[in-house]
Structure formats: structure tokens, C-alpha cells
Amino acid sequence: MTSPTSHPGPTGPHADPPSADPPDDTEASSPRWGFAVTVLCDIVLPVGLYYGLRAAGAGEIPALLLSGAAPALHTLYTAIRHRRTDAIGIFTLALLVVSSVASVTTSDPRIVLARNSLFTALAGVWLLVTLWTARPFTYQALRSLLPGKATLLEKLWETDAGFRRVWRRLTVLWGVGLLCDALLRVVMAYTLPVDTVPALDGVLYAVSWIGLQVVTQVVLHRTGTLAKVFGDRVPGRRFSFGAGASSDTGATTDRTG
């Protein structure tokens, strides 16, 4: 996850009325596609490259550095595609370079492994920081996923204290969850065999993301938030936060090295 980049819909007296129809399934197709690309570039390819290079006889550090090329190229491609560079994207590339140089000069592959925890920790801190902004991260992610519901969402935000409380608590959930994820990555990087960590790194990402998603859906259902947004027309509707919600920020999270 990176900094929230919502696309605010119209509000105020000249805003369009909320749509009476259920949101189309294509409404969130772009974030979902972005999430799939992020998983491929930041998890699947790096893990596959690492173990492929190790099987071919490459050392730990060269394999880690070369497998980190996929996330780095993904970050560059996204920045070029959107014709802009943001602070998170620049920081991502800078950290990749610095950690690579440090691992080479110290001959310590664990530095490359540990940098994954820094990306995750910074994402968690950023989410918590948004609690002090006008709109917390999870609410902005919701707006990005449901642009057709922007007016309704803003009305709920302005008039329903319970609605606001849900999204602030979910932002805390995701922020703290990512910080716990980061701590586990540090422990893995410095206590487990180097060749074990890349695979477990991807597994931890999946476990953390799925776990946070499950809790999110339970909270949305039990608090009646889904009914507030969709009414009774689309029972069982699910949101998907995390990487997909920030797919258009121009920055990626290096998960493997």
C-alpha cells in the first residue's frame, strides 16, 4: 500500500444524484487488474527469479538483487505511464539502490531481505497518519473502488458518525496489521535460512492480506455499512482493499528483493 490517491467525486449543491442502479462489476475492475499486476511483478516474478537463479548456481546476493529487478522495473514503468513521479516511488527506487549497495559492500544478503519490512512498515505508518487527515485511507480507497457512489458516500460521511467511525477503525486495523507484518519480516530475515525467506515472504503477504480482508468484511457486515452503501440490492457485495486500492499511485511495494 502506498499513499491514498482517491478520485473525489462531485459534492455540494451541483453534485449529481446517487445512482439508483447497483454498481457495475466493472466499476472496480481497474483496481482489481492493478492488484493482479502488482502481485505478479512484486511477488510471483521475484520469487520465481530468485529460486530459478539459485537453481542455476547463482549466489544468494546476486539472486536477491536480480530478482528485485521486477518490482523496480514495475515502479519505473508505472511512473512513466502516468508521466509523474511521486515521493513514494522515488523512495522505493532509492531504497532498492541503497540496500543493494549495502548488501554488496557488507556481503550480507539479510540486508536485502530486511528491506521488505521497511516498505511494509512505512505503508502502515502512512495509513495511521491519514487518521489525522480529512479522510482516512480506507475511506479514500472505498471512493476509488466505487466512483459511481461518490455522492452517496460523501453524504454518509458528512451525516453519519457511525459510518465515519467504521472507516477510521478499519484504517487503524490495516495500519497496525501492516506494522505487525513488518515486524515478522524482520524476524524472518535475521533468524531463518536465507533461501527460505523469499518463499515465506510471499506466503506472509498472502496470509496478512487475506486475514485483514476477512476482518474488514466481517466489520462491514456486522456494522451494517454494506447496507448503507448498497441497500438490499446487492447482498454479499465485497470490497477489496490493499494493493488494488492503491494501484494508481505510481508506486509499488517490493515484497521479495
Protein backbone atom coordinates (compact mmCIF):
# COMPACT_ATOMS: atom_id res chain seq x y z
CA MET A 1 0.00 0.00 0.00
CA THR A 2 1.02 3.48 -0.61
CA SER A 3 -0.33 6.93 -0.15
CA PRO A 4 -4.06 7.20 -0.78
CA THR A 5 -4.95 8.71 -4.12
CA SER A 6 -8.66 8.89 -4.37
CA HIS A 7 -10.52 10.44 -7.25
CA PRO A 8 -13.10 12.56 -5.45
CA GLY A 9 -16.50 12.65 -6.99
CA PRO A 10 -18.68 15.74 -7.19
CA THR A 11 -20.07 17.10 -3.96
CA GLY A 12 -22.07 20.09 -2.93
CA PRO A 13 -25.21 21.62 -4.40
CA HIS A 14 -24.29 20.88 -8.00
CA ALA A 15 -23.38 17.24 -7.45
CA ASP A 16 -25.10 14.57 -9.47
CA PRO A 17 -27.60 12.46 -7.51
CA PRO A 18 -26.53 8.97 -6.43
CA SER A 19 -27.15 6.27 -8.98
CA ALA A 20 -30.23 4.19 -8.34
CA ASP A 21 -28.68 1.17 -10.00
CA PRO A 22 -26.30 -1.25 -8.34
CA PRO A 23 -22.65 -0.54 -9.15
CA ASP A 24 -21.45 -2.30 -12.23
CA ASP A 25 -18.89 -5.06 -11.74
CA THR A 26 -16.53 -3.15 -14.00
CA GLU A 27 -16.51 -0.27 -11.52
CA ALA A 28 -13.68 -1.86 -9.57
CA SER A 29 -12.13 -3.76 -12.46
CA SER A 30 -9.23 -1.33 -12.82
CA PRO A 31 -8.13 -1.63 -9.16
CA ARG A 32 -8.50 -5.41 -9.36
CA TRP A 33 -6.40 -5.55 -12.53
CA GLY A 34 -3.82 -3.30 -10.89
CA PHE A 35 -3.73 -5.62 -7.89
CA ALA A 36 -3.16 -8.65 -10.14
CA VAL A 37 -0.27 -6.86 -11.90
CA THR A 38 1.22 -5.86 -8.54
CA VAL A 39 1.06 -9.45 -7.26
CA LEU A 40 2.70 -10.71 -10.46
CA CYS A 41 5.50 -8.11 -10.54
CA ASP A 42 6.16 -7.77 -6.82
CA ILE A 43 5.66 -11.35 -5.58
CA VAL A 44 5.41 -14.06 -8.22
CA LEU A 45 8.21 -12.93 -10.54
CA PRO A 46 10.75 -12.09 -7.80
CA VAL A 47 10.21 -15.41 -6.03
CA GLY A 48 10.39 -17.34 -9.28
CA LEU A 49 13.52 -15.48 -10.40
CA TYR A 50 15.26 -15.99 -7.07
CA TYR A 51 14.81 -19.74 -6.94
CA GLY A 52 15.47 -20.08 -10.66
CA LEU A 53 18.78 -18.24 -10.30
CA ARG A 54 19.72 -20.23 -7.22
CA ALA A 55 19.00 -23.46 -9.08
CA ALA A 56 21.26 -22.20 -11.86
CA GLY A 57 24.10 -21.76 -9.38
CA ALA A 58 23.88 -18.05 -8.57
CA GLY A 59 24.90 -16.85 -5.13
CA GLU A 60 22.46 -15.52 -2.56
CA ILE A 61 23.23 -11.82 -3.06
CA PRO A 62 23.23 -11.87 -6.91
CA ALA A 63 19.98 -13.87 -6.91
CA LEU A 64 18.33 -11.44 -4.48
CA LEU A 65 19.49 -8.37 -6.39
CA LEU A 66 18.45 -9.70 -9.80
CA SER A 67 15.08 -10.91 -8.52
CA GLY A 68 14.48 -7.39 -7.24
CA ALA A 69 14.58 -6.09 -10.82
CA ALA A 70 10.89 -6.92 -11.43
CA PRO A 71 9.49 -4.62 -8.69
CA ALA A 72 11.96 -1.88 -9.63
CA LEU A 73 11.00 -2.05 -13.32
CA HIS A 74 7.32 -2.09 -12.36
CA THR A 75 7.82 1.11 -10.37
CA LEU A 76 9.63 2.79 -13.28
CA TYR A 77 7.02 1.65 -15.79
CA THR A 78 4.17 2.97 -13.65
CA ALA A 79 5.90 6.33 -13.20
CA ILE A 80 6.49 6.63 -16.95
CA ARG A 81 2.98 5.51 -17.80
CA HIS A 82 1.39 8.09 -15.52
CA ARG A 83 4.01 10.67 -16.54
CA ARG A 84 4.72 11.58 -12.99
CA THR A 85 6.91 10.52 -10.09
CA ASP A 86 5.77 10.75 -6.51
CA ALA A 87 7.74 10.72 -3.28
CA ILE A 88 6.86 7.09 -2.55
CA GLY A 89 8.04 5.92 -5.96
CA ILE A 90 11.32 7.82 -5.64
CA PHE A 91 11.81 6.48 -2.13
CA THR A 92 11.12 2.93 -3.32
CA LEU A 93 13.79 3.12 -6.02
CA ALA A 94 16.25 4.85 -3.69
CA LEU A 95 15.81 2.17 -1.04
CA LEU A 96 16.31 -0.56 -3.64
CA VAL A 97 19.59 1.04 -4.71
CA VAL A 98 20.87 1.74 -1.18
CA SER A 99 20.04 -1.74 0.14
CA SER A 100 21.63 -3.33 -2.93
CA VAL A 101 24.86 -1.36 -2.45
CA ALA A 102 24.88 -2.13 1.28
CA SER A 103 24.37 -5.85 0.73
CA VAL A 104 27.24 -5.96 -1.78
CA THR A 105 29.68 -3.95 0.34
CA THR A 106 28.89 -5.90 3.53
CA SER A 107 28.35 -9.28 1.83
CA ASP A 108 25.18 -9.63 3.90
CA PRO A 109 22.10 -10.83 1.96
CA ARG A 110 19.92 -10.28 5.02
CA ILE A 111 20.02 -6.53 4.40
CA VAL A 112 18.18 -7.12 1.13
CA LEU A 113 15.68 -9.38 2.86
CA ALA A 114 15.06 -6.92 5.70
CA ARG A 115 14.26 -4.02 3.39
CA ASN A 116 10.88 -5.63 2.66
CA SER A 117 9.87 -4.97 6.25
CA LEU A 118 10.71 -1.29 5.86
CA PHE A 119 8.37 -0.90 2.88
CA THR A 120 5.56 -2.57 4.82
CA ALA A 121 6.21 -0.58 8.00
CA LEU A 122 6.17 2.72 6.11
CA ALA A 123 2.86 1.76 4.50
CA GLY A 124 1.42 1.00 7.93
CA VAL A 125 2.65 4.30 9.35
CA TRP A 126 1.21 6.18 6.37
CA LEU A 127 -2.22 4.63 6.93
CA LEU A 128 -2.18 5.66 10.59
CA VAL A 129 -1.11 9.19 9.66
CA THR A 130 -4.18 9.54 7.43
CA LEU A 131 -6.32 9.30 10.58
CA TRP A 132 -5.41 12.93 11.15
CA THR A 133 -6.43 14.00 7.65
CA ALA A 134 -9.90 14.90 6.38
CA ARG A 135 -10.50 11.37 5.10
CA PRO A 136 -8.70 8.21 6.35
CA PHE A 137 -7.09 5.84 3.88
CA THR A 138 -9.72 3.10 3.85
CA TYR A 139 -12.47 5.58 3.07
CA GLN A 140 -10.42 7.04 0.21
CA ALA A 141 -9.82 3.52 -1.06
CA LEU A 142 -13.58 2.94 -0.97
CA ARG A 143 -14.13 6.10 -3.01
CA SER A 144 -11.62 4.88 -5.60
CA LEU A 145 -13.32 1.49 -5.81
CA LEU A 146 -16.83 2.93 -6.12
CA PRO A 147 -16.62 6.20 -8.08
CA GLY A 148 -20.28 5.92 -9.04
CA LYS A 149 -21.21 6.07 -5.35
CA ALA A 150 -19.11 9.14 -4.56
CA THR A 151 -22.03 11.45 -3.78
CA LEU A 152 -23.76 8.91 -1.54
CA LEU A 153 -20.51 8.12 0.26
CA GLU A 154 -19.83 11.79 0.92
CA LYS A 155 -23.35 12.25 2.25
CA LEU A 156 -22.90 9.30 4.61
CA TRP A 157 -19.51 10.63 5.70
CA GLU A 158 -20.91 14.06 6.48
CA THR A 159 -24.07 12.94 8.28
CA ASP A 160 -23.39 9.51 9.81
CA ALA A 161 -20.96 9.37 12.75
CA GLY A 162 -21.14 5.56 12.83
CA PHE A 163 -20.13 5.41 9.17
CA ARG A 164 -17.10 7.62 9.84
CA ARG A 165 -16.16 5.55 12.87
CA VAL A 166 -16.12 2.31 10.86
CA TRP A 167 -13.65 3.64 8.29
CA ARG A 168 -11.38 5.15 10.91
CA ARG A 169 -11.30 1.86 12.80
CA LEU A 170 -10.60 -0.08 9.62
CA THR A 171 -7.71 2.29 8.88
CA VAL A 172 -6.31 1.52 12.34
CA LEU A 173 -6.78 -2.21 11.65
CA TRP A 174 -4.83 -2.07 8.39
CA GLY A 175 -2.13 0.23 9.75
CA VAL A 176 -1.46 -1.92 12.82
CA GLY A 177 -1.74 -5.08 10.73
CA LEU A 178 0.95 -3.89 8.34
CA LEU A 179 3.24 -2.92 11.23
CA CYS A 180 2.87 -6.43 12.68
CA ASP A 181 3.57 -7.86 9.21
CA ALA A 182 6.74 -5.72 9.02
CA LEU A 183 7.95 -6.98 12.40
CA LEU A 184 7.52 -10.60 11.31
CA ARG A 185 9.52 -9.88 8.15
CA VAL A 186 12.44 -8.56 10.19
CA VAL A 187 12.36 -11.66 12.39
CA MET A 188 12.32 -13.93 9.33
CA ALA A 189 15.11 -12.02 7.60
CA TYR A 190 17.53 -12.39 10.52
CA THR A 191 16.59 -15.76 12.01
CA LEU A 192 15.74 -18.08 9.10
CA PRO A 193 17.98 -19.53 6.37
CA VAL A 194 18.32 -17.02 3.53
CA ASP A 195 16.95 -19.40 0.89
CA THR A 196 13.80 -19.95 2.96
CA VAL A 197 12.83 -16.30 3.36
CA PRO A 198 11.78 -15.31 -0.21
CA ALA A 199 9.09 -18.00 -0.36
CA LEU A 200 7.88 -17.31 3.18
CA ASP A 201 7.86 -13.60 2.39
CA GLY A 202 5.24 -14.19 -0.31
CA VAL A 203 3.27 -16.54 1.94
CA LEU A 204 3.23 -13.92 4.70
CA TYR A 205 1.95 -11.32 2.27
CA ALA A 206 -0.95 -13.59 1.29
CA VAL A 207 -1.77 -14.53 4.89
CA SER A 208 -1.68 -10.90 6.08
CA TRP A 209 -3.74 -9.58 3.17
CA ILE A 210 -6.38 -12.33 3.37
CA GLY A 211 -6.62 -12.03 7.16
CA LEU A 212 -7.13 -8.26 7.03
CA GLN A 213 -9.68 -8.66 4.24
CA VAL A 214 -11.70 -11.20 6.23
CA VAL A 215 -11.83 -8.97 9.31
CA THR A 216 -12.75 -6.00 7.10
CA GLN A 217 -15.70 -7.84 5.53
CA VAL A 218 -16.95 -9.02 8.94
CA VAL A 219 -16.84 -5.46 10.29
CA LEU A 220 -18.62 -4.04 7.23
CA HIS A 221 -21.34 -6.66 7.50
CA ARG A 222 -21.92 -6.51 11.26
CA THR A 223 -21.98 -2.71 11.38
CA GLY A 224 -24.49 -2.51 8.53
CA THR A 225 -22.09 -0.46 6.43
CA LEU A 226 -22.68 -2.60 3.34
CA ALA A 227 -26.41 -2.00 3.64
CA LYS A 228 -25.85 1.75 3.97
CA VAL A 229 -23.85 1.82 0.75
CA PHE A 230 -25.78 -0.72 -1.36
CA GLY A 231 -29.14 -1.09 0.34
CA ASP A 232 -30.71 -4.50 -0.22
CA ARG A 233 -29.98 -4.63 -3.95
CA VAL A 234 -26.57 -6.26 -3.87
CA PRO A 235 -26.34 -8.71 -0.93
CA GLY A 236 -22.94 -10.23 -0.40
CA ARG A 237 -21.07 -7.36 -2.10
CA ARG A 238 -17.41 -7.34 -1.07
CA PHE A 239 -14.72 -4.67 -1.10
CA SER A 240 -11.09 -5.39 -1.75
CA PHE A 241 -8.58 -3.10 -0.07
CA GLY A 242 -4.82 -3.23 -0.05
CA ALA A 243 -2.65 -3.24 -3.13
CA GLY A 244 -5.50 -2.96 -5.57
CA ALA A 245 -6.82 0.15 -3.92
CA SER A 246 -3.57 1.93 -4.44
CA SER A 247 -2.72 0.59 -7.86
CA ASP A 248 -2.82 4.01 -9.47
CA THR A 249 -0.44 5.72 -7.09
CA GLY A 250 2.55 5.03 -9.29
CA ALA A 251 4.40 3.20 -6.56
CA THR A 252 4.77 -0.46 -5.72
CA THR A 253 5.88 -2.38 -2.69
CA ASP A 254 8.88 -4.63 -3.09
CA ARG A 255 7.97 -7.87 -1.40
CA THR A 256 10.77 -10.21 -2.22
CA GLY A 257 14.01 -8.45 -3.02
